[in-house]
Protein backbone atom coordinates (compact mmCIF):
# COMPACT_ATOMS: atom_id res chain seq x y z
CA MET A 1 56.91 5.02 60.71
CA SER A 2 60.62 4.19 60.46
CA ASP A 3 61.57 6.22 63.53
CA ILE A 4 64.69 4.55 64.90
CA LYS A 5 65.90 5.43 68.37
CA GLY A 6 69.48 4.25 68.81
CA SER A 7 71.59 2.68 66.09
CA LEU A 8 70.85 -0.29 63.87
CA ASP A 9 74.56 -0.73 63.25
CA THR A 10 74.98 -2.77 66.43
CA ALA A 11 76.96 -5.71 65.04
CA ARG A 12 79.77 -6.88 67.27
CA PHE A 13 82.03 -8.04 64.45
CA ASP A 14 85.62 -7.03 64.82
CA ALA A 15 87.06 -5.56 61.63
CA ILE A 16 90.37 -7.41 61.61
CA PRO A 17 90.15 -9.28 58.25
CA GLU A 18 88.67 -6.15 56.68
CA THR A 19 91.50 -4.03 58.04
CA ALA A 20 94.13 -6.44 56.72
CA LEU A 21 92.51 -6.42 53.28
CA ALA A 22 92.36 -2.61 53.24
CA TRP A 23 96.04 -2.30 54.22
CA HIS A 24 97.06 -4.82 51.56
CA ARG A 25 95.07 -3.09 48.84
CA ALA A 26 96.48 0.28 49.86
CA GLY A 27 99.97 -1.05 49.18
CA ARG A 28 100.99 -1.12 52.83
CA ARG A 29 101.27 -4.93 52.96
CA ALA A 30 99.51 -6.90 55.69
CA ALA A 31 99.61 -10.17 57.58
CA LEU A 32 96.96 -11.93 59.63
CA ALA A 33 97.97 -13.71 62.83
CA THR A 34 95.44 -16.22 64.16
CA VAL A 35 95.38 -18.22 67.39
CA ILE A 36 95.09 -21.82 66.15
CA GLU A 37 95.55 -23.74 69.39
CA THR A 38 95.69 -23.11 73.13
CA TRP A 39 96.60 -25.00 76.27
CA GLY A 40 96.00 -23.92 79.83
CA SER A 41 94.64 -20.50 80.66
CA ALA A 42 95.24 -18.77 77.32
CA PRO A 43 94.46 -15.03 77.19
CA ARG A 44 92.48 -15.24 73.91
CA ARG A 45 90.34 -18.04 72.53
CA THR A 46 91.17 -20.06 69.43
CA GLY A 47 90.35 -18.05 66.30
CA ALA A 48 91.33 -14.67 67.79
CA GLN A 49 93.15 -12.53 65.25
CA LEU A 50 95.68 -9.74 64.95
CA ALA A 51 96.26 -7.77 61.73
CA ILE A 52 99.76 -6.36 61.21
CA SER A 53 100.63 -3.85 58.49
CA GLY A 54 103.98 -3.68 56.77
CA ASP A 55 104.79 -0.52 58.72
CA GLY A 56 103.96 -2.12 62.07
CA GLU A 57 100.43 -0.86 62.69
CA ILE A 58 98.20 -3.43 64.39
CA GLU A 59 94.51 -4.15 64.87
CA GLY A 60 93.14 -6.83 67.19
CA SER A 61 94.90 -9.16 69.61
CA VAL A 62 96.10 -12.74 69.95
CA SER A 63 97.09 -12.61 73.61
CA GLY A 64 95.74 -9.48 75.25
CA GLY A 65 99.24 -8.00 75.13
CA CYS A 66 101.37 -10.87 76.46
CA VAL A 67 103.13 -11.82 73.22
CA GLU A 68 101.95 -9.23 70.68
CA GLY A 69 105.40 -7.70 70.36
CA ALA A 70 106.97 -11.00 69.37
CA VAL A 71 104.14 -11.78 66.93
CA ILE A 72 104.61 -8.40 65.23
CA VAL A 73 108.33 -9.05 64.74
CA GLU A 74 107.61 -12.50 63.28
CA ALA A 75 104.87 -11.13 61.05
CA LEU A 76 107.12 -8.44 59.57
CA GLU A 77 109.75 -11.09 58.82
CA ALA A 78 107.07 -13.33 57.27
CA LEU A 79 105.98 -10.42 55.05
CA ASP A 80 109.54 -10.01 53.81
CA GLU A 81 109.82 -13.75 53.10
CA GLY A 82 106.32 -14.13 51.69
CA LYS A 83 105.84 -17.33 53.68
CA PRO A 84 103.54 -18.39 56.56
CA ARG A 85 104.81 -19.06 60.06
CA GLU A 86 103.57 -21.18 62.93
CA LEU A 87 104.57 -19.75 66.28
CA GLU A 88 104.27 -21.15 69.79
CA PHE A 89 104.42 -19.08 72.95
CA GLY A 90 104.27 -19.90 76.61
CA VAL A 91 102.43 -17.27 78.63
CA SER A 92 103.93 -17.01 82.11
CA ASP A 93 101.81 -16.82 85.22
CA GLN A 94 103.00 -13.23 85.75
CA ASP A 95 102.01 -12.15 82.21
CA ALA A 96 98.70 -13.97 82.50
CA PHE A 97 97.92 -12.22 85.77
CA ALA A 98 98.55 -8.87 84.06
CA VAL A 99 95.68 -9.55 81.63
CA GLY A 100 93.30 -10.86 84.26
CA LEU A 101 94.02 -14.62 84.31
CA ALA A 102 94.91 -16.68 87.34
CA CYS A 103 97.62 -18.70 85.59
CA GLY A 104 99.48 -18.97 82.31
CA GLY A 105 99.25 -21.26 79.33
CA THR A 106 100.50 -21.87 75.82
CA ILE A 107 99.23 -20.52 72.50
CA ARG A 108 100.04 -21.42 68.91
CA VAL A 109 99.71 -18.68 66.31
CA LEU A 110 99.55 -18.91 62.52
CA VAL A 111 100.92 -15.90 60.61
CA GLU A 112 99.76 -15.50 57.00
CA PRO A 113 100.98 -12.69 54.72
CA VAL A 114 98.08 -11.41 52.62
CA GLY A 115 98.65 -11.89 48.92
CA ASP A 116 101.67 -14.20 49.03
CA VAL A 117 100.01 -16.78 51.31
CA LEU A 118 96.42 -15.75 51.93
CA PRO A 119 95.06 -14.86 48.48
CA ASP A 120 93.57 -11.40 48.08
CA ALA A 121 90.44 -12.80 46.39
CA LEU A 122 89.86 -15.34 49.17
CA LEU A 123 90.18 -12.70 51.88
CA ALA A 124 87.84 -10.41 49.92
CA GLU A 125 85.24 -13.19 49.67
CA LEU A 126 85.55 -13.81 53.42
CA CYS A 127 84.98 -10.12 54.13
CA ALA A 128 81.98 -10.05 51.77
CA ALA A 129 80.41 -13.02 53.54
CA ARG A 130 80.90 -11.32 56.89
CA ALA A 131 79.31 -8.13 55.60
CA ALA A 132 76.31 -10.12 54.34
CA ARG A 133 75.89 -11.90 57.72
CA THR A 134 76.63 -15.23 56.06
CA PRO A 135 78.28 -17.85 58.31
CA VAL A 136 81.54 -18.95 56.72
CA ALA A 137 84.54 -21.06 57.69
CA TYR A 138 88.09 -20.32 56.59
CA VAL A 139 89.76 -23.71 56.17
CA VAL A 140 93.54 -24.07 55.87
CA ASP A 141 95.45 -27.34 55.49
CA LEU A 142 98.74 -26.68 57.24
CA GLU A 143 100.37 -29.68 55.55
CA SER A 144 99.50 -28.89 51.93
CA GLY A 145 99.02 -25.14 52.29
CA GLY A 146 95.58 -25.34 50.69
CA ARG A 147 93.12 -22.62 51.66
CA GLN A 148 89.40 -22.35 50.98
CA LEU A 149 86.11 -21.05 52.36
CA ALA A 150 83.32 -23.41 53.41
CA TYR A 151 79.68 -22.41 53.79
CA ASP A 152 78.41 -25.80 54.94
CA GLY A 153 79.76 -28.77 56.81
CA HIS A 154 81.44 -28.13 60.18
CA GLU A 155 77.94 -28.00 61.72
CA THR A 156 79.11 -28.41 65.31
CA ALA A 157 81.80 -25.77 64.94
CA PHE A 158 79.30 -23.29 63.49
CA ARG A 159 76.72 -24.02 66.20
CA MET A 160 79.25 -23.71 69.02
CA ASP A 161 81.15 -20.72 67.55
CA ARG A 162 84.25 -22.84 67.95
CA SER A 163 87.33 -22.59 65.72
CA GLY A 164 89.91 -25.36 65.87
CA PHE A 165 91.55 -28.29 64.14
CA ALA A 166 89.44 -30.91 62.40
CA GLU A 167 89.77 -34.20 64.30
CA ASP A 168 93.07 -36.02 63.78
CA SER A 169 94.28 -33.59 61.15
CA ARG A 170 96.38 -30.54 60.48
CA THR A 171 93.39 -28.75 58.98
CA PHE A 172 92.47 -25.62 60.89
CA VAL A 173 88.90 -24.34 60.64
CA ALA A 174 88.31 -20.70 61.60
CA ILE A 175 84.63 -19.97 62.16
CA HIS A 176 83.32 -16.55 61.15
CA ASN A 177 79.76 -16.38 62.42
CA PRO A 178 77.70 -13.20 62.24
CA PRO A 179 77.10 -11.54 65.60
CA LEU A 180 74.13 -12.91 67.51
CA ARG A 181 71.07 -10.69 67.35
CA LEU A 182 67.87 -10.60 69.38
CA LEU A 183 64.71 -8.95 68.07
CA VAL A 184 62.16 -8.30 70.81
CA VAL A 185 58.59 -7.37 69.88
CA GLY A 186 56.87 -5.64 72.78
CA ALA A 187 58.30 -2.96 75.06
CA VAL A 188 56.96 -4.53 78.25
CA HIS A 189 58.47 -5.08 81.71
CA ILE A 190 60.07 -8.38 80.69
CA ALA A 191 61.86 -6.59 77.85
CA GLN A 192 63.35 -4.11 80.33
CA ALA A 193 65.14 -7.04 82.00
CA LEU A 194 65.71 -9.11 78.87
CA LEU A 195 67.61 -6.57 76.74
CA PRO A 196 70.51 -5.94 79.15
CA MET A 197 70.74 -9.67 79.92
CA ALA A 198 70.89 -10.44 76.21
CA ARG A 199 73.71 -7.97 75.73
CA ILE A 200 75.71 -9.62 78.52
CA ALA A 201 75.11 -12.98 76.81
CA GLY A 202 76.60 -11.65 73.57
CA TYR A 203 73.53 -10.53 71.62
CA ASP A 204 72.85 -7.25 69.86
CA PRO A 205 69.26 -6.54 70.98
CA VAL A 206 66.72 -4.49 69.04
CA LEU A 207 63.35 -3.55 70.53
CA ILE A 208 60.32 -3.25 68.27
CA ASP A 209 57.07 -1.60 69.32
CA PRO A 210 54.89 0.85 67.34
CA ARG A 211 53.36 2.16 70.58
CA GLY A 212 55.44 5.21 71.37
CA ALA A 213 54.44 5.34 75.02
CA PHE A 214 55.83 1.83 75.52
CA GLY A 215 59.06 1.93 73.51
CA SER A 216 60.42 5.16 74.87
CA GLU A 217 63.98 6.22 75.64
CA ALA A 218 62.91 6.91 79.21
CA ARG A 219 61.85 3.28 79.71
CA PHE A 220 64.72 1.77 77.68
CA PRO A 221 67.69 4.13 77.97
CA GLY A 222 70.41 3.52 75.42
CA GLU A 223 68.57 0.74 73.60
CA THR A 224 67.95 0.46 69.86
CA ILE A 225 64.19 0.95 69.40
CA LEU A 226 62.11 0.73 66.23
CA ASP A 227 58.55 2.03 66.25
CA ASP A 228 57.67 0.34 62.95
CA TRP A 229 54.98 -2.31 62.86
CA PRO A 230 56.71 -5.59 63.77
CA ASP A 231 56.39 -7.25 60.34
CA GLU A 232 57.92 -4.17 58.69
CA ALA A 233 60.70 -4.03 61.28
CA VAL A 234 61.76 -7.66 60.98
CA SER A 235 61.71 -7.35 57.20
CA LYS A 236 63.97 -4.31 57.44
CA LEU A 237 66.37 -5.98 59.85
CA GLY A 238 66.42 -9.39 58.17
CA LEU A 239 65.86 -12.80 59.71
CA ASP A 240 68.84 -15.14 59.52
CA SER A 241 70.36 -18.12 61.29
CA ARG A 242 72.05 -15.95 63.93
CA THR A 243 68.85 -14.14 64.92
CA ALA A 244 66.42 -14.92 67.73
CA LEU A 245 62.89 -13.48 67.79
CA VAL A 246 61.00 -12.98 71.05
CA LEU A 247 57.35 -11.89 71.07
CA LEU A 248 56.08 -10.33 74.28
CA THR A 249 53.00 -8.23 73.50
CA HIS A 250 50.14 -10.77 73.98
CA ASP A 251 48.49 -8.88 71.11
CA PRO A 252 47.96 -10.94 67.92
CA LYS A 253 47.84 -7.76 65.84
CA LEU A 254 51.47 -7.09 66.80
CA ASP A 255 52.87 -10.58 67.38
CA ASP A 256 51.35 -12.58 64.53
CA PRO A 257 52.71 -10.62 61.53
CA ALA A 258 56.26 -10.87 62.85
CA LEU A 259 55.69 -14.50 63.78
CA GLU A 260 54.50 -15.35 60.29
CA ALA A 261 57.60 -13.75 58.79
CA ALA A 262 59.86 -15.67 61.16
CA LEU A 263 58.28 -19.09 60.64
CA ARG A 264 59.47 -19.19 57.04
CA SER A 265 62.89 -17.73 57.75
CA LYS A 266 66.14 -19.18 59.11
CA VAL A 267 65.97 -17.70 62.62
CA PHE A 268 67.38 -20.13 65.16
CA TYR A 269 64.85 -19.32 67.88
CA ILE A 270 61.26 -18.11 68.05
CA GLY A 271 59.65 -17.62 71.46
CA ALA A 272 56.21 -16.24 72.24
CA LEU A 273 54.88 -15.15 75.62
CA GLY A 274 51.53 -16.48 76.79
CA SER A 275 49.85 -19.29 78.66
CA THR A 276 49.24 -22.75 77.25
CA ARG A 277 45.72 -21.64 76.38
CA THR A 278 46.99 -18.49 74.64
CA HIS A 279 49.49 -20.55 72.68
CA ALA A 280 46.79 -23.01 71.60
CA LYS A 281 44.83 -20.10 70.12
CA ARG A 282 48.00 -18.90 68.41
CA VAL A 283 48.56 -22.35 66.90
CA ALA A 284 44.98 -22.43 65.62
CA ARG A 285 45.34 -18.99 63.99
CA LEU A 286 48.56 -19.99 62.27
CA GLY A 287 47.03 -23.24 61.05
CA GLU A 288 44.15 -21.32 59.54
CA ALA A 289 46.72 -19.04 57.89
CA GLY A 290 48.22 -22.03 56.09
CA PHE A 291 51.24 -22.87 58.22
CA SER A 292 52.12 -26.54 58.63
CA GLU A 293 52.45 -28.35 61.96
CA ALA A 294 56.22 -28.55 61.45
CA GLU A 295 56.48 -24.81 60.88
CA ILE A 296 54.32 -23.99 63.90
CA ALA A 297 56.35 -26.39 66.04
CA GLN A 298 59.31 -24.03 65.75
CA ILE A 299 57.62 -21.69 68.24
CA HIS A 300 58.65 -22.01 71.87
CA GLY A 301 55.43 -21.23 73.66
CA PRO A 302 54.90 -20.71 76.50
CA ILE A 303 58.29 -19.03 76.21
CA GLY A 304 61.34 -19.89 78.33
CA LEU A 305 62.64 -22.89 80.23
CA ASP A 306 60.38 -24.07 83.02
CA ILE A 307 62.42 -22.89 86.02
CA GLY A 308 59.46 -21.73 88.07
CA ALA A 309 60.18 -18.13 87.12
CA SER A 310 58.34 -15.41 89.03
CA GLY A 311 58.47 -11.80 87.87
CA PRO A 312 59.93 -10.13 84.78
CA ALA A 313 63.63 -10.63 85.62
CA GLU A 314 63.30 -14.36 86.25
CA ILE A 315 61.19 -14.79 83.11
CA ALA A 316 63.96 -13.01 81.19
CA VAL A 317 66.50 -15.45 82.67
CA SER A 318 64.36 -18.38 81.51
CA ILE A 319 64.16 -16.92 77.99
CA ILE A 320 67.94 -16.41 77.74
CA ALA A 321 68.46 -19.96 79.03
CA GLU A 322 66.12 -21.44 76.43
CA MET A 323 67.71 -19.39 73.63
CA THR A 324 71.13 -20.67 74.71
CA ARG A 325 69.98 -24.28 74.76
CA VAL A 326 68.51 -24.00 71.27
CA LEU A 327 71.57 -22.18 69.91
CA ARG A 328 74.12 -24.62 71.31
CA LYS A 329 72.20 -27.89 71.27
CA GLY A 330 69.86 -27.27 68.38
CA ALA A 331 66.70 -28.13 70.32
């Protein structure tokens, strides 16, 4: 069918490293400023970035506006010197209040000229990994000046989306995770509550349902909707470690093909609606289809944390809660 309502290009990646690389390759020069440490009520979290071109154009933010001007000046000087800089700023209570915080704090910022300090090839590889939805860490030893990308290790940092210094070291690890994505099979009442909740929680939701009367713009205004068969849709979208799959149709013809694709993928969460009895039948079908007990055990069914949910909205809350627990705790 391949009729897509809405846009599949829903990724919430910023484009700051990509912008810096483009400016550098266009001969404009560029530096990347990264928040490497915070104390108190800092305006931006660790890992936030600002790209600065040699002619003073900027993309991104390290403080929401509190200290950007000073960072730009330092970055332009660093570009002229071809050397990195570590900067520390105190954000006053007044400045913090201006960007929506109750009190101020302190931030430390690393400025790296592209080319002279941050190698062009390394930044290009980072951007390629981001484009491919491959989790990657940019690791810089601030003592030795060594820089590299890491695709494994740092398991806790990847799981928690948390950049920061490795314990008892001057090695900063910047986590670049793909945006979280939620694929929902079944345009039912629960999905009407689940999709907006997922977006608030930081997911890019996509709704999949080949039944046009269910997955309509009228019922899901502004949502990305695919009316492909679910197995075709998940194949098109891809199933990776930053994707959750939720099955809501109760119909094996729709749920099972997508489920079978997900069980042998790297999705971090699979949840399927249905009673304990319905799930037992699902387990039996998958066993007959050749799936192992370990593979089948990846399914969270009945779906959602047991919070005594009543009605579609509360069931959606329980699903988001269970997805969060699995994402952050791994179980």
